[in-house]
mmCIF file of all heavy atoms, coordinates in Angstrom:
data_MODEL
# 
_entry.id   MODEL 
# 
loop_
_atom_site.group_PDB 
_atom_site.id 
_atom_site.type_symbol 
_atom_site.label_atom_id 
_atom_site.label_alt_id 
_atom_site.label_comp_id 
_atom_site.label_asym_id 
_atom_site.label_entity_id 
_atom_site.label_seq_id 
_atom_site.pdbx_PDB_ins_code 
_atom_site.Cartn_x 
_atom_site.Cartn_y 
_atom_site.Cartn_z 
_atom_site.occupancy 
_atom_site.B_iso_or_equiv 
_atom_site.pdbx_formal_charge 
_atom_site.auth_seq_id 
_atom_site.auth_comp_id 
_atom_site.auth_asym_id 
_atom_site.auth_atom_id 
_atom_site.pdbx_PDB_model_num 
ATOM 1   N N   . THR A 1 1  ? -7.251  0.168  13.180  1.00 0.00 ? 1  THR A N   1 
ATOM 2   C CA  . THR A 1 1  ? -6.854  1.102  14.234  1.00 0.00 ? 1  THR A CA  1 
ATOM 3   C C   . THR A 1 1  ? -5.404  0.914  14.666  1.00 0.00 ? 1  THR A C   1 
ATOM 4   O O   . THR A 1 1  ? -4.862  1.748  15.390  1.00 0.00 ? 1  THR A O   1 
ATOM 5   C CB  . THR A 1 1  ? -7.768  0.961  15.458  1.00 0.00 ? 1  THR A CB  1 
ATOM 6   O OG1 . THR A 1 1  ? -7.758  -0.403 15.893  1.00 0.00 ? 1  THR A OG1 1 
ATOM 7   C CG2 . THR A 1 1  ? -9.191  1.377  15.123  1.00 0.00 ? 1  THR A CG2 1 
ATOM 8   N N   . HIS A 1 2  ? -4.766  -0.195 14.264  1.00 0.00 ? 2  HIS A N   1 
ATOM 9   C CA  . HIS A 1 2  ? -3.360  -0.421 14.581  1.00 0.00 ? 2  HIS A CA  1 
ATOM 10  C C   . HIS A 1 2  ? -2.495  0.330  13.567  1.00 0.00 ? 2  HIS A C   1 
ATOM 11  O O   . HIS A 1 2  ? -2.688  0.202  12.348  1.00 0.00 ? 2  HIS A O   1 
ATOM 12  C CB  . HIS A 1 2  ? -3.009  -1.907 14.531  1.00 0.00 ? 2  HIS A CB  1 
ATOM 13  C CG  . HIS A 1 2  ? -3.699  -2.722 15.590  1.00 0.00 ? 2  HIS A CG  1 
ATOM 14  N ND1 . HIS A 1 2  ? -3.615  -4.093 15.654  1.00 0.00 ? 2  HIS A ND1 1 
ATOM 15  C CD2 . HIS A 1 2  ? -4.491  -2.356 16.628  1.00 0.00 ? 2  HIS A CD2 1 
ATOM 16  C CE1 . HIS A 1 2  ? -4.320  -4.535 16.682  1.00 0.00 ? 2  HIS A CE1 1 
ATOM 17  N NE2 . HIS A 1 2  ? -4.854  -3.493 17.297  1.00 0.00 ? 2  HIS A NE2 1 
ATOM 18  N N   . VAL A 1 3  ? -1.529  1.081  14.042  1.00 0.00 ? 3  VAL A N   1 
ATOM 19  C CA  . VAL A 1 3  ? -0.664  1.847  13.147  1.00 0.00 ? 3  VAL A CA  1 
ATOM 20  C C   . VAL A 1 3  ? 0.087   0.920  12.207  1.00 0.00 ? 3  VAL A C   1 
ATOM 21  O O   . VAL A 1 3  ? 0.288   1.236  11.027  1.00 0.00 ? 3  VAL A O   1 
ATOM 22  C CB  . VAL A 1 3  ? 0.311   2.729  13.949  1.00 0.00 ? 3  VAL A CB  1 
ATOM 23  C CG1 . VAL A 1 3  ? 1.278   3.446  13.014  1.00 0.00 ? 3  VAL A CG1 1 
ATOM 24  C CG2 . VAL A 1 3  ? -0.447  3.739  14.803  1.00 0.00 ? 3  VAL A CG2 1 
ATOM 25  N N   . VAL A 1 4  ? 0.511   -0.243 12.699  1.00 0.00 ? 4  VAL A N   1 
ATOM 26  C CA  . VAL A 1 4  ? 1.275   -1.167 11.855  1.00 0.00 ? 4  VAL A CA  1 
ATOM 27  C C   . VAL A 1 4  ? 0.450   -1.608 10.653  1.00 0.00 ? 4  VAL A C   1 
ATOM 28  O O   . VAL A 1 4  ? 0.988   -1.814 9.553   1.00 0.00 ? 4  VAL A O   1 
ATOM 29  C CB  . VAL A 1 4  ? 1.771   -2.384 12.677  1.00 0.00 ? 4  VAL A CB  1 
ATOM 30  C CG1 . VAL A 1 4  ? 0.613   -3.251 13.152  1.00 0.00 ? 4  VAL A CG1 1 
ATOM 31  C CG2 . VAL A 1 4  ? 2.762   -3.211 11.865  1.00 0.00 ? 4  VAL A CG2 1 
ATOM 32  N N   . THR A 1 5  ? -0.865  -1.756 10.816  1.00 0.00 ? 5  THR A N   1 
ATOM 33  C CA  . THR A 1 5  ? -1.727  -2.126 9.692   1.00 0.00 ? 5  THR A CA  1 
ATOM 34  C C   . THR A 1 5  ? -1.691  -1.047 8.623   1.00 0.00 ? 5  THR A C   1 
ATOM 35  O O   . THR A 1 5  ? -1.583  -1.339 7.424   1.00 0.00 ? 5  THR A O   1 
ATOM 36  C CB  . THR A 1 5  ? -3.176  -2.340 10.174  1.00 0.00 ? 5  THR A CB  1 
ATOM 37  O OG1 . THR A 1 5  ? -3.186  -3.416 11.110  1.00 0.00 ? 5  THR A OG1 1 
ATOM 38  C CG2 . THR A 1 5  ? -4.095  -2.660 9.007   1.00 0.00 ? 5  THR A CG2 1 
ATOM 39  N N   . GLN A 1 6  ? -1.769  0.209  9.051   1.00 0.00 ? 6  GLN A N   1 
ATOM 40  C CA  . GLN A 1 6  ? -1.730  1.315  8.099   1.00 0.00 ? 6  GLN A CA  1 
ATOM 41  C C   . GLN A 1 6  ? -0.397  1.366  7.358   1.00 0.00 ? 6  GLN A C   1 
ATOM 42  O O   . GLN A 1 6  ? -0.351  1.629  6.153   1.00 0.00 ? 6  GLN A O   1 
ATOM 43  C CB  . GLN A 1 6  ? -1.981  2.638  8.834   1.00 0.00 ? 6  GLN A CB  1 
ATOM 44  C CG  . GLN A 1 6  ? -3.357  2.752  9.468   1.00 0.00 ? 6  GLN A CG  1 
ATOM 45  C CD  . GLN A 1 6  ? -4.474  2.741  8.442   1.00 0.00 ? 6  GLN A CD  1 
ATOM 46  O OE1 . GLN A 1 6  ? -4.323  3.276  7.349   1.00 0.00 ? 6  GLN A OE1 1 
ATOM 47  N NE2 . GLN A 1 6  ? -5.591  2.127  8.785   1.00 0.00 ? 6  GLN A NE2 1 
ATOM 48  N N   . SER A 1 7  ? 0.688   1.091  8.080   1.00 0.00 ? 7  SER A N   1 
ATOM 49  C CA  . SER A 1 7  ? 2.021   1.110  7.457   1.00 0.00 ? 7  SER A CA  1 
ATOM 50  C C   . SER A 1 7  ? 2.148   0.013  6.405   1.00 0.00 ? 7  SER A C   1 
ATOM 51  O O   . SER A 1 7  ? 2.663   0.241  5.300   1.00 0.00 ? 7  SER A O   1 
ATOM 52  C CB  . SER A 1 7  ? 3.103   0.941  8.525   1.00 0.00 ? 7  SER A CB  1 
ATOM 53  O OG  . SER A 1 7  ? 3.081   1.999  9.445   1.00 0.00 ? 7  SER A OG  1 
ATOM 54  N N   . ARG A 1 8  ? 1.691   -1.187 6.756   1.00 0.00 ? 8  ARG A N   1 
ATOM 55  C CA  . ARG A 1 8  ? 1.777   -2.303 5.809   1.00 0.00 ? 8  ARG A CA  1 
ATOM 56  C C   . ARG A 1 8  ? 0.873   -2.083 4.604   1.00 0.00 ? 8  ARG A C   1 
ATOM 57  O O   . ARG A 1 8  ? 1.260   -2.383 3.461   1.00 0.00 ? 8  ARG A O   1 
ATOM 58  C CB  . ARG A 1 8  ? 1.437   -3.609 6.531   1.00 0.00 ? 8  ARG A CB  1 
ATOM 59  C CG  . ARG A 1 8  ? 2.505   -4.029 7.527   1.00 0.00 ? 8  ARG A CG  1 
ATOM 60  C CD  . ARG A 1 8  ? 2.071   -5.218 8.383   1.00 0.00 ? 8  ARG A CD  1 
ATOM 61  N NE  . ARG A 1 8  ? 3.161   -5.628 9.283   1.00 0.00 ? 8  ARG A NE  1 
ATOM 62  C CZ  . ARG A 1 8  ? 3.033   -6.502 10.269  1.00 0.00 ? 8  ARG A CZ  1 
ATOM 63  N NH1 . ARG A 1 8  ? 1.858   -7.075 10.498  1.00 0.00 ? 8  ARG A NH1 1 
ATOM 64  N NH2 . ARG A 1 8  ? 4.067   -6.812 11.020  1.00 0.00 ? 8  ARG A NH2 1 
ATOM 65  N N   . LEU A 1 9  ? -0.322  -1.575 4.845   1.00 0.00 ? 9  LEU A N   1 
ATOM 66  C CA  . LEU A 1 9  ? -1.235  -1.289 3.744   1.00 0.00 ? 9  LEU A CA  1 
ATOM 67  C C   . LEU A 1 9  ? -0.640  -0.235 2.816   1.00 0.00 ? 9  LEU A C   1 
ATOM 68  O O   . LEU A 1 9  ? -0.715  -0.354 1.581   1.00 0.00 ? 9  LEU A O   1 
ATOM 69  C CB  . LEU A 1 9  ? -2.578  -0.809 4.295   1.00 0.00 ? 9  LEU A CB  1 
ATOM 70  C CG  . LEU A 1 9  ? -3.621  -0.362 3.265   1.00 0.00 ? 9  LEU A CG  1 
ATOM 71  C CD1 . LEU A 1 9  ? -3.957  -1.493 2.298   1.00 0.00 ? 9  LEU A CD1 1 
ATOM 72  C CD2 . LEU A 1 9  ? -4.885  0.141  3.969   1.00 0.00 ? 9  LEU A CD2 1 
ATOM 73  N N   . GLN A 1 10 ? -0.012  0.781  3.401   1.00 0.00 ? 10 GLN A N   1 
ATOM 74  C CA  . GLN A 1 10 ? 0.578   1.835  2.574   1.00 0.00 ? 10 GLN A CA  1 
ATOM 75  C C   . GLN A 1 10 ? 1.719   1.291  1.738   1.00 0.00 ? 10 GLN A C   1 
ATOM 76  O O   . GLN A 1 10 ? 1.905   1.687  0.577   1.00 0.00 ? 10 GLN A O   1 
ATOM 77  C CB  . GLN A 1 10 ? 1.066   2.988  3.456   1.00 0.00 ? 10 GLN A CB  1 
ATOM 78  C CG  . GLN A 1 10 ? 1.409   4.252  2.679   1.00 0.00 ? 10 GLN A CG  1 
ATOM 79  C CD  . GLN A 1 10 ? 0.233   4.769  1.860   1.00 0.00 ? 10 GLN A CD  1 
ATOM 80  O OE1 . GLN A 1 10 ? -0.830  5.025  2.413   1.00 0.00 ? 10 GLN A OE1 1 
ATOM 81  N NE2 . GLN A 1 10 ? 0.417   4.925  0.548   1.00 0.00 ? 10 GLN A NE2 1 
ATOM 82  N N   . GLY A 1 11 ? 2.511   0.365  2.295   1.00 0.00 ? 11 GLY A N   1 
ATOM 83  C CA  . GLY A 1 11 ? 3.579   -0.265 1.518   1.00 0.00 ? 11 GLY A CA  1 
ATOM 84  C C   . GLY A 1 11 ? 3.026   -1.023 0.325   1.00 0.00 ? 11 GLY A C   1 
ATOM 85  O O   . GLY A 1 11 ? 3.589   -0.982 -0.780  1.00 0.00 ? 11 GLY A O   1 
ATOM 86  N N   . TYR A 1 12 ? 1.916   -1.731 0.535   1.00 0.00 ? 12 TYR A N   1 
ATOM 87  C CA  . TYR A 1 12 ? 1.225   -2.465 -0.538  1.00 0.00 ? 12 TYR A CA  1 
ATOM 88  C C   . TYR A 1 12 ? 0.785   -1.495 -1.639  1.00 0.00 ? 12 TYR A C   1 
ATOM 89  O O   . TYR A 1 12 ? 0.988   -1.754 -2.840  1.00 0.00 ? 12 TYR A O   1 
ATOM 90  C CB  . TYR A 1 12 ? 0.031   -3.191 0.073   1.00 0.00 ? 12 TYR A CB  1 
ATOM 91  C CG  . TYR A 1 12 ? -0.931  -3.846 -0.891  1.00 0.00 ? 12 TYR A CG  1 
ATOM 92  C CD1 . TYR A 1 12 ? -0.736  -5.155 -1.316  1.00 0.00 ? 12 TYR A CD1 1 
ATOM 93  C CD2 . TYR A 1 12 ? -2.065  -3.155 -1.339  1.00 0.00 ? 12 TYR A CD2 1 
ATOM 94  C CE1 . TYR A 1 12 ? -1.657  -5.761 -2.186  1.00 0.00 ? 12 TYR A CE1 1 
ATOM 95  C CE2 . TYR A 1 12 ? -2.976  -3.752 -2.200  1.00 0.00 ? 12 TYR A CE2 1 
ATOM 96  C CZ  . TYR A 1 12 ? -2.766  -5.054 -2.625  1.00 0.00 ? 12 TYR A CZ  1 
ATOM 97  O OH  . TYR A 1 12 ? -3.666  -5.657 -3.475  1.00 0.00 ? 12 TYR A OH  1 
ATOM 98  N N   . LEU A 1 13 ? 0.202   -0.357 -1.215  1.00 0.00 ? 13 LEU A N   1 
ATOM 99  C CA  . LEU A 1 13 ? -0.252  0.644  -2.183  1.00 0.00 ? 13 LEU A CA  1 
ATOM 100 C C   . LEU A 1 13 ? 0.920   1.302  -2.900  1.00 0.00 ? 13 LEU A C   1 
ATOM 101 O O   . LEU A 1 13 ? 0.856   1.553  -4.116  1.00 0.00 ? 13 LEU A O   1 
ATOM 102 C CB  . LEU A 1 13 ? -1.104  1.699  -1.471  1.00 0.00 ? 13 LEU A CB  1 
ATOM 103 C CG  . LEU A 1 13 ? -2.390  1.197  -0.799  1.00 0.00 ? 13 LEU A CG  1 
ATOM 104 C CD1 . LEU A 1 13 ? -3.054  2.329  -0.022  1.00 0.00 ? 13 LEU A CD1 1 
ATOM 105 C CD2 . LEU A 1 13 ? -3.348  0.606  -1.827  1.00 0.00 ? 13 LEU A CD2 1 
ATOM 106 N N   . ASP A 1 14 ? 1.993   1.591  -2.170  1.00 0.00 ? 14 ASP A N   1 
ATOM 107 C CA  . ASP A 1 14 ? 3.182   2.216  -2.766  1.00 0.00 ? 14 ASP A CA  1 
ATOM 108 C C   . ASP A 1 14 ? 3.750   1.356  -3.893  1.00 0.00 ? 14 ASP A C   1 
ATOM 109 O O   . ASP A 1 14 ? 4.144   1.873  -4.954  1.00 0.00 ? 14 ASP A O   1 
ATOM 110 C CB  . ASP A 1 14 ? 4.281   2.405  -1.713  1.00 0.00 ? 14 ASP A CB  1 
ATOM 111 C CG  . ASP A 1 14 ? 3.956   3.476  -0.691  1.00 0.00 ? 14 ASP A CG  1 
ATOM 112 O OD1 . ASP A 1 14 ? 3.027   4.265  -0.922  1.00 0.00 ? 14 ASP A OD1 1 
ATOM 113 O OD2 . ASP A 1 14 ? 4.632   3.512  0.361   1.00 0.00 ? 14 ASP A OD2 1 
ATOM 114 N N   . ALA A 1 15 ? 3.816   0.040  -3.655  1.00 0.00 ? 15 ALA A N   1 
ATOM 115 C CA  . ALA A 1 15 ? 4.392   -0.865 -4.651  1.00 0.00 ? 15 ALA A CA  1 
ATOM 116 C C   . ALA A 1 15 ? 3.590   -0.830 -5.949  1.00 0.00 ? 15 ALA A C   1 
ATOM 117 O O   . ALA A 1 15 ? 4.153   -0.820 -7.055  1.00 0.00 ? 15 ALA A O   1 
ATOM 118 C CB  . ALA A 1 15 ? 4.446   -2.288 -4.093  1.00 0.00 ? 15 ALA A CB  1 
ATOM 119 N N   . HIS A 1 16 ? 2.273   -0.810 -5.819  1.00 0.00 ? 16 HIS A N   1 
ATOM 120 C CA  . HIS A 1 16 ? 1.428   -0.741 -7.016  1.00 0.00 ? 16 HIS A CA  1 
ATOM 121 C C   . HIS A 1 16 ? 1.608   0.590  -7.739  1.00 0.00 ? 16 HIS A C   1 
ATOM 122 O O   . HIS A 1 16 ? 1.658   0.635  -8.975  1.00 0.00 ? 16 HIS A O   1 
ATOM 123 C CB  . HIS A 1 16 ? -0.038  -0.947 -6.629  1.00 0.00 ? 16 HIS A CB  1 
ATOM 124 C CG  . HIS A 1 16 ? -0.395  -2.369 -6.347  1.00 0.00 ? 16 HIS A CG  1 
ATOM 125 N ND1 . HIS A 1 16 ? -0.110  -2.992 -5.145  1.00 0.00 ? 16 HIS A ND1 1 
ATOM 126 C CD2 . HIS A 1 16 ? -1.006  -3.312 -7.120  1.00 0.00 ? 16 HIS A CD2 1 
ATOM 127 C CE1 . HIS A 1 16 ? -0.532  -4.244 -5.183  1.00 0.00 ? 16 HIS A CE1 1 
ATOM 128 N NE2 . HIS A 1 16 ? -1.082  -4.466 -6.359  1.00 0.00 ? 16 HIS A NE2 1 
ATOM 129 N N   . ALA A 1 17 ? 1.692   1.672  -6.968  1.00 0.00 ? 17 ALA A N   1 
ATOM 130 C CA  . ALA A 1 17 ? 1.871   2.992  -7.583  1.00 0.00 ? 17 ALA A CA  1 
ATOM 131 C C   . ALA A 1 17 ? 3.189   3.063  -8.341  1.00 0.00 ? 17 ALA A C   1 
ATOM 132 O O   . ALA A 1 17 ? 3.244   3.584  -9.468  1.00 0.00 ? 17 ALA A O   1 
ATOM 133 C CB  . ALA A 1 17 ? 1.809   4.079  -6.510  1.00 0.00 ? 17 ALA A CB  1 
ATOM 134 N N   . GLN A 1 18 ? 4.268   2.529  -7.737  1.00 0.00 ? 18 GLN A N   1 
ATOM 135 C CA  . GLN A 1 18 ? 5.574   2.544  -8.398  1.00 0.00 ? 18 GLN A CA  1 
ATOM 136 C C   . GLN A 1 18 ? 5.564   1.727  -9.680  1.00 0.00 ? 18 GLN A C   1 
ATOM 137 O O   . GLN A 1 18 ? 6.241   2.068  -10.656 1.00 0.00 ? 18 GLN A O   1 
ATOM 138 C CB  . GLN A 1 18 ? 6.644   2.008  -7.446  1.00 0.00 ? 18 GLN A CB  1 
ATOM 139 C CG  . GLN A 1 18 ? 7.011   2.956  -6.324  1.00 0.00 ? 18 GLN A CG  1 
ATOM 140 C CD  . GLN A 1 18 ? 8.088   2.388  -5.405  1.00 0.00 ? 18 GLN A CD  1 
ATOM 141 O OE1 . GLN A 1 18 ? 8.548   1.262  -5.568  1.00 0.00 ? 18 GLN A OE1 1 
ATOM 142 N NE2 . GLN A 1 18 ? 8.494   3.182  -4.430  1.00 0.00 ? 18 GLN A NE2 1 
ATOM 143 N N   . ALA A 1 19 ? 4.809   0.625  -9.667  1.00 0.00 ? 19 ALA A N   1 
ATOM 144 C CA  . ALA A 1 19 ? 4.745   -0.238 -10.847 1.00 0.00 ? 19 ALA A CA  1 
ATOM 145 C C   . ALA A 1 19 ? 3.738   0.252  -11.882 1.00 0.00 ? 19 ALA A C   1 
ATOM 146 O O   . ALA A 1 19 ? 3.653   -0.299 -12.992 1.00 0.00 ? 19 ALA A O   1 
ATOM 147 C CB  . ALA A 1 19 ? 4.390   -1.659 -10.425 1.00 0.00 ? 19 ALA A CB  1 
ATOM 148 N N   . GLY A 1 20 ? 2.972   1.293  -11.537 1.00 0.00 ? 20 GLY A N   1 
ATOM 149 C CA  . GLY A 1 20 ? 1.965   1.804  -12.453 1.00 0.00 ? 20 GLY A CA  1 
ATOM 150 C C   . GLY A 1 20 ? 0.795   0.856  -12.630 1.00 0.00 ? 20 GLY A C   1 
ATOM 151 O O   . GLY A 1 20 ? 0.138   0.848  -13.680 1.00 0.00 ? 20 GLY A O   1 
ATOM 152 N N   . ILE A 1 21 ? 0.520   0.050  -11.603 1.00 0.00 ? 21 ILE A N   1 
ATOM 153 C CA  . ILE A 1 21 ? -0.569  -0.923 -11.650 1.00 0.00 ? 21 ILE A CA  1 
ATOM 154 C C   . ILE A 1 21 ? -1.675  -0.467 -10.700 1.00 0.00 ? 21 ILE A C   1 
ATOM 155 O O   . ILE A 1 21 ? -1.437  -0.349 -9.489  1.00 0.00 ? 21 ILE A O   1 
ATOM 156 C CB  . ILE A 1 21 ? -0.074  -2.329 -11.252 1.00 0.00 ? 21 ILE A CB  1 
ATOM 157 C CG1 . ILE A 1 21 ? 1.000   -2.807 -12.238 1.00 0.00 ? 21 ILE A CG1 1 
ATOM 158 C CG2 . ILE A 1 21 ? -1.235  -3.322 -11.203 1.00 0.00 ? 21 ILE A CG2 1 
ATOM 159 C CD1 . ILE A 1 21 ? 1.645   -4.117 -11.838 1.00 0.00 ? 21 ILE A CD1 1 
ATOM 160 N N   . PRO A 1 22 ? -2.864  -0.212 -11.195 1.00 0.00 ? 22 PRO A N   1 
ATOM 161 C CA  . PRO A 1 22 ? -3.958  0.223  -10.318 1.00 0.00 ? 22 PRO A CA  1 
ATOM 162 C C   . PRO A 1 22 ? -4.297  -0.859 -9.291  1.00 0.00 ? 22 PRO A C   1 
ATOM 163 O O   . PRO A 1 22 ? -4.216  -2.050 -9.580  1.00 0.00 ? 22 PRO A O   1 
ATOM 164 C CB  . PRO A 1 22 ? -5.134  0.437  -11.282 1.00 0.00 ? 22 PRO A CB  1 
ATOM 165 C CG  . PRO A 1 22 ? -4.510  0.567  -12.634 1.00 0.00 ? 22 PRO A CG  1 
ATOM 166 C CD  . PRO A 1 22 ? -3.277  -0.269 -12.612 1.00 0.00 ? 22 PRO A CD  1 
ATOM 167 N N   . VAL A 1 23 ? -4.677  -0.422 -8.085  1.00 0.00 ? 23 VAL A N   1 
ATOM 168 C CA  . VAL A 1 23 ? -5.068  -1.351 -7.032  1.00 0.00 ? 23 VAL A CA  1 
ATOM 169 C C   . VAL A 1 23 ? -6.540  -1.702 -7.201  1.00 0.00 ? 23 VAL A C   1 
ATOM 170 O O   . VAL A 1 23 ? -7.393  -0.818 -7.324  1.00 0.00 ? 23 VAL A O   1 
ATOM 171 C CB  . VAL A 1 23 ? -4.838  -0.746 -5.636  1.00 0.00 ? 23 VAL A CB  1 
ATOM 172 C CG1 . VAL A 1 23 ? -5.416  -1.654 -4.556  1.00 0.00 ? 23 VAL A CG1 1 
ATOM 173 C CG2 . VAL A 1 23 ? -3.346  -0.526 -5.397  1.00 0.00 ? 23 VAL A CG2 1 
ATOM 174 N N   . ASN A 1 24 ? -6.816  -2.998 -7.219  1.00 0.00 ? 24 ASN A N   1 
ATOM 175 C CA  . ASN A 1 24 ? -8.194  -3.479 -7.276  1.00 0.00 ? 24 ASN A CA  1 
ATOM 176 C C   . ASN A 1 24 ? -8.720  -3.551 -5.849  1.00 0.00 ? 24 ASN A C   1 
ATOM 177 O O   . ASN A 1 24 ? -8.352  -4.445 -5.088  1.00 0.00 ? 24 ASN A O   1 
ATOM 178 C CB  . ASN A 1 24 ? -8.234  -4.857 -7.953  1.00 0.00 ? 24 ASN A CB  1 
ATOM 179 C CG  . ASN A 1 24 ? -9.647  -5.424 -8.027  1.00 0.00 ? 24 ASN A CG  1 
ATOM 180 O OD1 . ASN A 1 24 ? -10.609 -4.804 -7.560  1.00 0.00 ? 24 ASN A OD1 1 
ATOM 181 N ND2 . ASN A 1 24 ? -9.779  -6.600 -8.619  1.00 0.00 ? 24 ASN A ND2 1 
# 
């Protein structure tokens, strides 16, 4: 429910997407 958590999680997902590595 904290916005900062969503921002950090999205950064984690973005990095995987840019690297072409699926998120487990």
